[in-house]
Amino acid sequence: MRVAVVGAGFAGLATSIKLSRAAKVTLFEEHEEVGVPEHCTGIVSGRVWEELGSYVSKSVKEGDLSEFFIGLPSGKGVTLKGPKDFAVRLDRKRLEEEMLETALSMGVEWRVKLITDVTPKGSVHGQSFDRVFLAEGWRAELSSRLGIAARPRRLYGLNVEVRGRAAHPGRVEVWFDKALAPGFFAWVVMLEEKAVVGTAAVRGYNVEKLLSSTLEVARRRGLVEGEAVKRYGGVIQTGPPVLAPCLRAVCSAGDAAGLNKPVTGGGLYPSLDVAKKLPGNLNRPIKAYKIVPRLYAETAVARLLHGAPQRFYERLFSELDGEEWRISEYDNHLRSVREIIGEMRVKKFALLFLKALRYLLP
């Protein structure tokens, strides 16, 4: 079977690698290099890293993350702890460069070409393929023309990398604060001798100014020290995914299909989940998109967390301040919610939610 993959970001590379054993794959990319522009914070679960580790070198991993604080910039909030290798931070540019090398070594044909014409029957600029996967990124121009693109809620995120001492290597702080991240959250990822500070906002805000304020808070609390060496960012998608990603011989993939975790915007895990199911479902690729209903359900959780008024966050995290919860998985947010409710006991959770609910009302 002849397969075309359009776009050599993470989703396109993962799709190409996974399909290379089941089909003859041609990978189209408009740029001569991959991994640019850099835009992603690069946090994935240990499970994803374990799978990627068979395609890339250990040097792609920059550090392990085992603890996530979720709360307010003041330090009030809860701590989520996972098992060993719960999550890791990756060098995204190097990851994609090495994935491309792996794809080429597995027989994937690489073509530098801007694709502007794809038909539902699988024609790419007049060349016929049995299957075409459009991993073209969030703009999804080709997928939109074919009616198989997602229409997710989009924000713009910005990171700054700080070289120097970090207070708690292996810890991530996530802050819900409308003054720092309107419509989303801010974050501080602490590694050995390095940290990544970031924020995101809905359209209409100056994200550069928001990032400067977030970095100032991180410095004031002593979480990071050192020189800010680079800034990078991009679009963050928070669901929902497209429910019908395939039309005849063509399917959308990655950001174009809205394959992102709605709560965090992360796209590596959902894209990889679909890609690894494709080889056994090439005759009916829609069957590889089993994660879509779950992402749709997680979208409701994301809307609550991202859209609540500040008084809701203040009350919630003040009530929960100092609690520590264990969760088993970084990628499955619905499972994490169930585990947290189980640890708190259903009655306690219900009472707390009812207390905070009045702060959600106008």
Protein backbone atom coordinates (compact mmCIF):
# COMPACT_ATOMS: atom_id res chain seq x y z
CA MET A 1 0.00 0.00 0.00
CA ARG A 2 1.27 3.48 -0.91
CA VAL A 3 0.82 6.13 1.79
CA ALA A 4 1.50 9.87 1.72
CA VAL A 5 2.03 11.89 4.90
CA VAL A 6 1.86 15.67 4.55
CA GLY A 7 3.78 17.52 7.24
CA ALA A 8 6.89 16.47 9.18
CA GLY A 9 6.08 17.75 12.65
CA PHE A 10 5.79 15.24 15.47
CA ALA A 11 2.47 13.78 14.25
CA GLY A 12 3.69 13.36 10.67
CA LEU A 13 6.96 11.78 11.77
CA ALA A 14 5.24 9.39 14.21
CA THR A 15 2.73 8.40 11.52
CA SER A 16 5.50 7.81 8.98
CA ILE A 17 7.58 5.70 11.36
CA LYS A 18 4.65 3.57 12.50
CA LEU A 19 3.39 2.98 8.95
CA SER A 20 6.82 2.29 7.43
CA ARG A 21 6.56 -1.41 8.32
CA ALA A 22 3.10 -1.77 6.76
CA ALA A 23 3.31 0.46 3.69
CA LYS A 24 5.54 2.40 1.33
CA VAL A 25 5.51 5.87 2.89
CA THR A 26 6.28 9.22 1.24
CA LEU A 27 6.70 12.13 3.67
CA PHE A 28 6.14 15.64 2.30
CA GLU A 29 7.43 18.71 4.14
CA GLU A 30 7.63 22.28 2.91
CA HIS A 31 10.76 23.09 4.97
CA GLU A 32 14.21 21.57 4.55
CA GLU A 33 14.59 20.99 8.30
CA VAL A 34 12.29 19.76 11.06
CA GLY A 35 11.72 20.91 14.64
CA VAL A 36 11.49 24.61 13.75
CA PRO A 37 10.16 26.97 14.79
CA GLU A 38 10.43 25.68 18.35
CA HIS A 39 7.14 26.19 20.17
CA CYS A 40 6.34 23.39 22.63
CA THR A 41 7.23 23.10 26.33
CA GLY A 42 8.10 19.46 25.63
CA ILE A 43 6.56 17.59 28.58
CA VAL A 44 5.42 14.02 27.93
CA SER A 45 4.63 11.03 30.10
CA GLY A 46 7.23 8.43 30.94
CA ARG A 47 5.15 5.97 28.94
CA VAL A 48 5.41 8.11 25.79
CA TRP A 49 9.14 8.56 26.34
CA GLU A 50 9.59 4.81 26.72
CA GLU A 51 7.98 4.28 23.32
CA LEU A 52 9.91 7.13 21.69
CA GLY A 53 13.13 5.85 23.21
CA SER A 54 13.29 3.10 20.60
CA TYR A 55 13.50 5.74 17.85
CA VAL A 56 15.73 8.43 19.38
CA SER A 57 18.77 8.71 21.65
CA LYS A 58 18.68 9.27 25.42
CA SER A 59 20.15 12.75 24.92
CA VAL A 60 16.69 13.95 23.76
CA LYS A 61 15.50 13.72 27.38
CA GLU A 62 16.41 16.80 29.44
CA GLY A 63 15.08 15.67 32.80
CA ASP A 64 12.55 13.65 34.81
CA LEU A 65 9.47 15.26 36.38
CA SER A 66 7.75 13.51 39.28
CA GLU A 67 5.79 16.26 41.03
CA PHE A 68 3.20 18.75 39.79
CA PHE A 69 1.96 21.60 42.00
CA ILE A 70 -1.40 23.02 40.87
CA GLY A 71 -2.67 26.20 42.46
CA LEU A 72 -2.01 29.92 42.80
CA PRO A 73 1.17 31.96 42.23
CA SER A 74 1.27 32.61 45.99
CA GLY A 75 2.07 28.93 46.60
CA LYS A 76 -1.37 27.85 47.80
CA GLY A 77 -2.57 24.68 46.15
CA VAL A 78 -2.22 20.92 45.84
CA THR A 79 0.61 18.63 44.83
CA LEU A 80 0.13 15.72 42.46
CA LYS A 81 2.72 12.97 42.71
CA GLY A 82 3.21 10.18 40.24
CA PRO A 83 5.28 7.01 40.03
CA LYS A 84 8.93 6.94 38.95
CA ASP A 85 9.38 8.39 35.45
CA PHE A 86 5.89 9.89 35.68
CA ALA A 87 6.79 12.58 33.14
CA VAL A 88 9.86 13.89 31.33
CA ARG A 89 10.92 17.03 29.54
CA LEU A 90 12.23 16.60 25.98
CA ASP A 91 14.29 18.70 23.62
CA ARG A 92 11.59 18.99 20.96
CA LYS A 93 13.84 20.14 18.13
CA ARG A 94 16.29 17.31 18.67
CA LEU A 95 13.42 14.85 19.07
CA GLU A 96 12.04 15.62 15.63
CA GLU A 97 15.47 15.68 14.01
CA GLU A 98 16.23 12.19 15.32
CA MET A 99 12.75 10.92 14.44
CA LEU A 100 13.35 12.03 10.86
CA GLU A 101 16.65 10.14 10.81
CA THR A 102 14.84 7.04 12.06
CA ALA A 103 12.07 7.41 9.47
CA LEU A 104 14.60 7.67 6.64
CA SER A 105 16.49 4.62 7.95
CA MET A 106 13.21 2.69 7.88
CA GLY A 107 12.67 3.43 4.18
CA VAL A 108 10.42 6.48 4.35
CA GLU A 109 10.86 8.66 1.25
CA TRP A 110 11.49 12.33 2.11
CA ARG A 111 10.35 15.10 -0.21
CA VAL A 112 10.76 18.82 0.40
CA LYS A 113 7.65 20.23 -1.23
CA LEU A 114 4.77 22.53 -0.32
CA ILE A 115 1.55 20.56 -0.86
CA THR A 116 -1.45 22.62 -1.95
CA ASP A 117 -3.60 20.06 -3.75
CA VAL A 118 -5.01 16.88 -2.20
CA THR A 119 -8.21 15.16 -3.36
CA PRO A 120 -10.52 12.85 -1.36
CA LYS A 121 -9.47 9.95 -3.61
CA GLY A 122 -5.86 10.25 -2.42
CA SER A 123 -4.26 12.30 -5.17
CA VAL A 124 -1.40 14.55 -4.03
CA HIS A 125 -0.49 17.00 -6.79
CA GLY A 126 -1.65 14.45 -9.34
CA GLN A 127 0.24 11.53 -7.78
CA SER A 128 -1.99 8.70 -6.59
CA PHE A 129 -1.79 7.17 -3.08
CA ASP A 130 -3.91 4.55 -1.34
CA ARG A 131 -4.01 6.64 1.85
CA VAL A 132 -3.09 10.23 2.69
CA PHE A 133 -2.59 11.62 6.22
CA LEU A 134 -2.63 15.39 6.58
CA ALA A 135 -0.41 16.19 9.56
CA GLU A 136 -0.19 19.83 8.49
CA GLY A 137 -0.40 21.54 11.86
CA TRP A 138 -3.00 23.78 13.45
CA ARG A 139 -3.67 25.90 10.34
CA ALA A 140 -5.05 22.75 8.68
CA GLU A 141 -5.65 24.41 5.31
CA LEU A 142 -5.94 21.19 3.30
CA SER A 143 -7.98 19.43 5.99
CA SER A 144 -10.35 22.41 6.20
CA ARG A 145 -10.98 22.32 2.47
CA LEU A 146 -11.94 18.66 2.75
CA GLY A 147 -14.10 19.20 5.85
CA ILE A 148 -12.00 16.97 8.13
CA ALA A 149 -10.27 19.63 10.24
CA ALA A 150 -10.91 20.28 13.92
CA ARG A 151 -12.27 23.60 15.14
CA PRO A 152 -10.75 23.75 18.61
CA ARG A 153 -10.41 26.62 21.05
CA ARG A 154 -7.01 28.17 20.41
CA LEU A 155 -4.68 30.21 22.60
CA TYR A 156 -1.14 31.49 22.16
CA GLY A 157 1.56 30.23 24.51
CA LEU A 158 5.04 31.60 25.15
CA ASN A 159 8.02 30.07 26.98
CA VAL A 160 11.26 31.51 28.29
CA GLU A 161 14.21 29.26 29.09
CA VAL A 162 16.26 30.28 32.12
CA ARG A 163 19.76 28.86 32.56
CA GLY A 164 20.78 28.66 36.20
CA ARG A 165 19.63 27.25 39.52
CA ALA A 166 16.10 25.92 39.86
CA ALA A 167 14.67 25.54 43.36
CA HIS A 168 13.05 22.12 42.96
CA PRO A 169 14.42 20.06 40.05
CA GLY A 170 11.82 17.56 38.91
CA ARG A 171 8.88 19.74 39.94
CA VAL A 172 6.40 21.67 37.78
CA GLU A 173 4.25 24.48 39.16
CA VAL A 174 0.98 25.28 37.37
CA TRP A 175 -0.74 28.55 38.30
CA PHE A 176 -4.33 29.49 37.66
CA ASP A 177 -4.34 33.27 37.71
CA LYS A 178 -6.28 35.56 35.36
CA ALA A 179 -3.62 38.26 35.68
CA LEU A 180 -0.89 35.93 34.37
CA ALA A 181 -2.78 33.57 32.05
CA PRO A 182 -6.27 34.73 30.98
CA GLY A 183 -8.18 31.66 29.82
CA PHE A 184 -5.43 29.14 30.58
CA PHE A 185 -2.64 28.72 33.15
CA ALA A 186 1.00 29.68 33.68
CA TRP A 187 3.79 27.18 34.40
CA VAL A 188 7.31 26.78 35.78
CA VAL A 189 9.18 23.60 34.80
CA MET A 190 12.22 23.07 37.02
CA LEU A 191 15.16 20.93 35.89
CA GLU A 192 18.81 20.62 36.90
CA GLU A 193 20.48 23.99 36.24
CA LYS A 194 17.63 25.05 33.99
CA ALA A 195 13.96 26.05 34.05
CA VAL A 196 11.23 26.80 31.55
CA VAL A 197 8.70 29.49 32.51
CA GLY A 198 5.62 29.97 30.37
CA THR A 199 2.10 31.25 30.03
CA ALA A 200 -0.72 31.35 27.51
CA ALA A 201 -3.75 33.50 26.86
CA VAL A 202 -6.79 33.82 24.70
CA ARG A 203 -6.69 36.19 21.77
CA GLY A 204 -6.39 39.90 22.52
CA TYR A 205 -3.76 39.81 25.28
CA ASN A 206 -0.09 40.77 25.13
CA VAL A 207 1.51 37.40 25.91
CA GLU A 208 5.00 38.94 26.04
CA LYS A 209 3.93 41.12 28.98
CA LEU A 210 2.14 38.23 30.66
CA LEU A 211 5.30 36.10 30.37
CA SER A 212 7.44 38.86 31.88
CA SER A 213 5.05 39.08 34.84
CA THR A 214 5.08 35.28 35.26
CA LEU A 215 8.88 35.19 35.22
CA GLU A 216 8.96 38.01 37.79
CA VAL A 217 6.75 35.98 40.15
CA ALA A 218 8.91 32.87 39.67
CA ARG A 219 12.05 34.87 40.47
CA ARG A 220 10.44 36.59 43.48
CA ARG A 221 9.49 33.22 44.97
CA GLY A 222 13.01 31.92 44.39
CA LEU A 223 11.93 29.18 42.01
CA VAL A 224 14.37 30.19 39.26
CA GLU A 225 17.65 32.05 39.12
CA GLY A 226 19.81 32.86 36.14
CA GLU A 227 19.77 34.34 32.67
CA ALA A 228 16.81 34.14 30.31
CA VAL A 229 18.45 32.72 27.19
CA LYS A 230 15.61 32.28 24.69
CA ARG A 231 11.89 32.72 24.10
CA TYR A 232 9.69 30.61 21.89
CA GLY A 233 6.02 29.86 21.57
CA GLY A 234 3.07 28.93 19.42
CA VAL A 235 -0.59 28.02 19.23
CA ILE A 236 -2.11 25.80 21.94
CA GLN A 237 -5.27 23.85 21.15
CA THR A 238 -7.67 22.84 23.92
CA GLY A 239 -10.30 20.73 22.17
CA PRO A 240 -12.54 19.46 20.91
CA PRO A 241 -11.06 17.13 18.26
CA VAL A 242 -12.82 16.56 14.94
CA LEU A 243 -15.31 13.69 15.19
CA ALA A 244 -14.98 12.69 11.52
CA PRO A 245 -11.25 12.95 10.66
CA CYS A 246 -11.42 10.83 7.49
CA LEU A 247 -12.95 11.38 4.05
CA ARG A 248 -12.54 8.48 1.64
CA ALA A 249 -8.77 7.96 1.26
CA VAL A 250 -7.70 11.04 3.29
CA CYS A 251 -7.48 11.60 7.06
CA SER A 252 -6.36 14.57 9.13
CA ALA A 253 -3.80 13.92 11.88
CA GLY A 254 -2.12 15.69 14.78
CA ASP A 255 -3.12 19.30 15.38
CA ALA A 256 -5.13 19.38 12.16
CA ALA A 257 -7.43 16.73 13.67
CA GLY A 258 -7.41 18.39 17.09
CA LEU A 259 -5.48 15.49 18.64
CA ASN A 260 -4.51 17.45 21.74
CA LYS A 261 -5.15 16.88 25.43
CA PRO A 262 -7.70 19.64 26.11
CA VAL A 263 -6.59 20.39 29.68
CA THR A 264 -2.91 20.98 28.83
CA GLY A 265 -2.93 21.34 25.06
CA GLY A 266 -0.32 18.59 24.67
CA GLY A 267 -0.42 16.84 21.32
CA LEU A 268 2.31 14.22 21.45
CA TYR A 269 0.46 11.51 23.35
CA PRO A 270 -2.82 11.61 21.34
CA SER A 271 -0.95 11.78 18.02
CA LEU A 272 1.26 8.85 18.97
CA ASP A 273 -1.74 6.88 20.21
CA VAL A 274 -3.44 7.20 16.82
CA ALA A 275 -0.23 6.61 14.85
CA LYS A 276 0.56 3.29 16.54
CA LYS A 277 -2.95 1.98 15.79
CA LEU A 278 -2.81 2.87 12.09
CA PRO A 279 -0.75 -0.07 10.73
CA GLY A 280 -3.45 -2.56 11.68
CA ASN A 281 -6.27 -0.34 10.45
CA LEU A 282 -5.10 0.97 7.08
CA ASN A 283 -8.15 -0.47 5.35
CA ARG A 284 -10.36 1.49 7.74
CA PRO A 285 -8.16 4.13 9.42
CA ILE A 286 -11.01 5.73 11.39
CA LYS A 287 -10.72 2.77 13.78
CA ALA A 288 -7.31 4.10 14.88
CA TYR A 289 -8.93 7.23 16.31
CA LYS A 290 -10.38 5.53 19.40
CA ILE A 291 -9.01 8.26 21.67
CA VAL A 292 -11.28 10.94 20.15
CA PRO A 293 -14.35 10.36 22.40
CA ARG A 294 -12.17 10.64 25.50
CA LEU A 295 -10.62 13.87 24.28
CA TYR A 296 -14.12 15.17 23.66
CA ALA A 297 -15.07 14.37 27.27
CA GLU A 298 -11.89 15.98 28.58
CA THR A 299 -12.84 19.16 26.72
CA ALA A 300 -15.63 19.75 29.27
CA VAL A 301 -13.10 19.49 32.12
CA ALA A 302 -10.81 21.91 30.31
CA ARG A 303 -13.56 24.48 29.84
CA LEU A 304 -14.32 24.43 33.58
CA LEU A 305 -10.67 24.75 34.62
CA HIS A 306 -9.68 27.38 32.07
CA GLY A 307 -12.83 29.48 32.14
CA ALA A 308 -13.59 29.79 35.86
CA PRO A 309 -13.48 33.25 37.49
CA GLN A 310 -10.50 34.07 39.70
CA ARG A 311 -12.62 33.92 42.87
CA PHE A 312 -13.30 30.24 42.09
CA TYR A 313 -9.57 29.48 41.94
CA GLU A 314 -8.91 31.45 45.13
CA ARG A 315 -11.56 29.58 47.08
CA LEU A 316 -10.77 26.16 45.66
CA PHE A 317 -7.02 26.23 46.22
CA SER A 318 -7.33 27.90 49.62
CA GLU A 319 -9.61 25.06 50.74
CA LEU A 320 -7.26 22.43 49.32
CA ASP A 321 -3.98 24.07 50.32
CA GLY A 322 -1.31 21.59 51.35
CA GLU A 323 -3.07 18.45 50.09
CA GLU A 324 -1.01 15.80 48.30
CA TRP A 325 -2.58 13.30 45.93
CA ARG A 326 -1.12 10.37 44.06
CA ILE A 327 -2.13 9.78 40.47
CA SER A 328 -1.04 6.91 38.25
CA GLU A 329 -0.93 8.47 34.81
CA TYR A 330 0.11 11.79 33.28
CA ASP A 331 -1.81 11.41 30.01
CA ASN A 332 -5.32 10.38 31.09
CA HIS A 333 -6.94 13.38 32.77
CA LEU A 334 -10.31 11.70 33.28
CA ARG A 335 -8.60 8.88 35.18
CA SER A 336 -6.68 11.43 37.25
CA VAL A 337 -9.93 13.17 38.24
CA ARG A 338 -11.41 9.82 39.31
CA GLU A 339 -8.31 8.99 41.35
CA ILE A 340 -8.35 12.41 43.06
CA ILE A 341 -12.03 12.06 43.94
CA GLY A 342 -11.29 8.59 45.32
CA GLU A 343 -8.48 9.92 47.53
CA MET A 344 -10.59 12.82 48.81
CA ARG A 345 -13.64 10.60 49.29
CA VAL A 346 -16.73 11.39 47.25
CA LYS A 347 -18.57 13.16 50.09
CA LYS A 348 -15.70 15.54 50.82
CA PHE A 349 -15.27 16.31 47.13
CA ALA A 350 -19.00 17.00 46.68
CA LEU A 351 -19.05 19.40 49.66
CA LEU A 352 -15.98 21.24 48.41
CA PHE A 353 -17.37 21.51 44.91
CA LEU A 354 -20.67 22.90 46.20
CA LYS A 355 -18.76 25.51 48.23
CA ALA A 356 -16.79 26.59 45.18
CA LEU A 357 -19.72 26.35 42.78
CA ARG A 358 -21.24 29.64 43.85
CA TYR A 359 -18.06 31.37 42.68
CA LEU A 360 -18.69 30.06 39.16
CA LEU A 361 -22.03 31.86 39.01
CA PRO A 362 -22.21 35.45 37.70
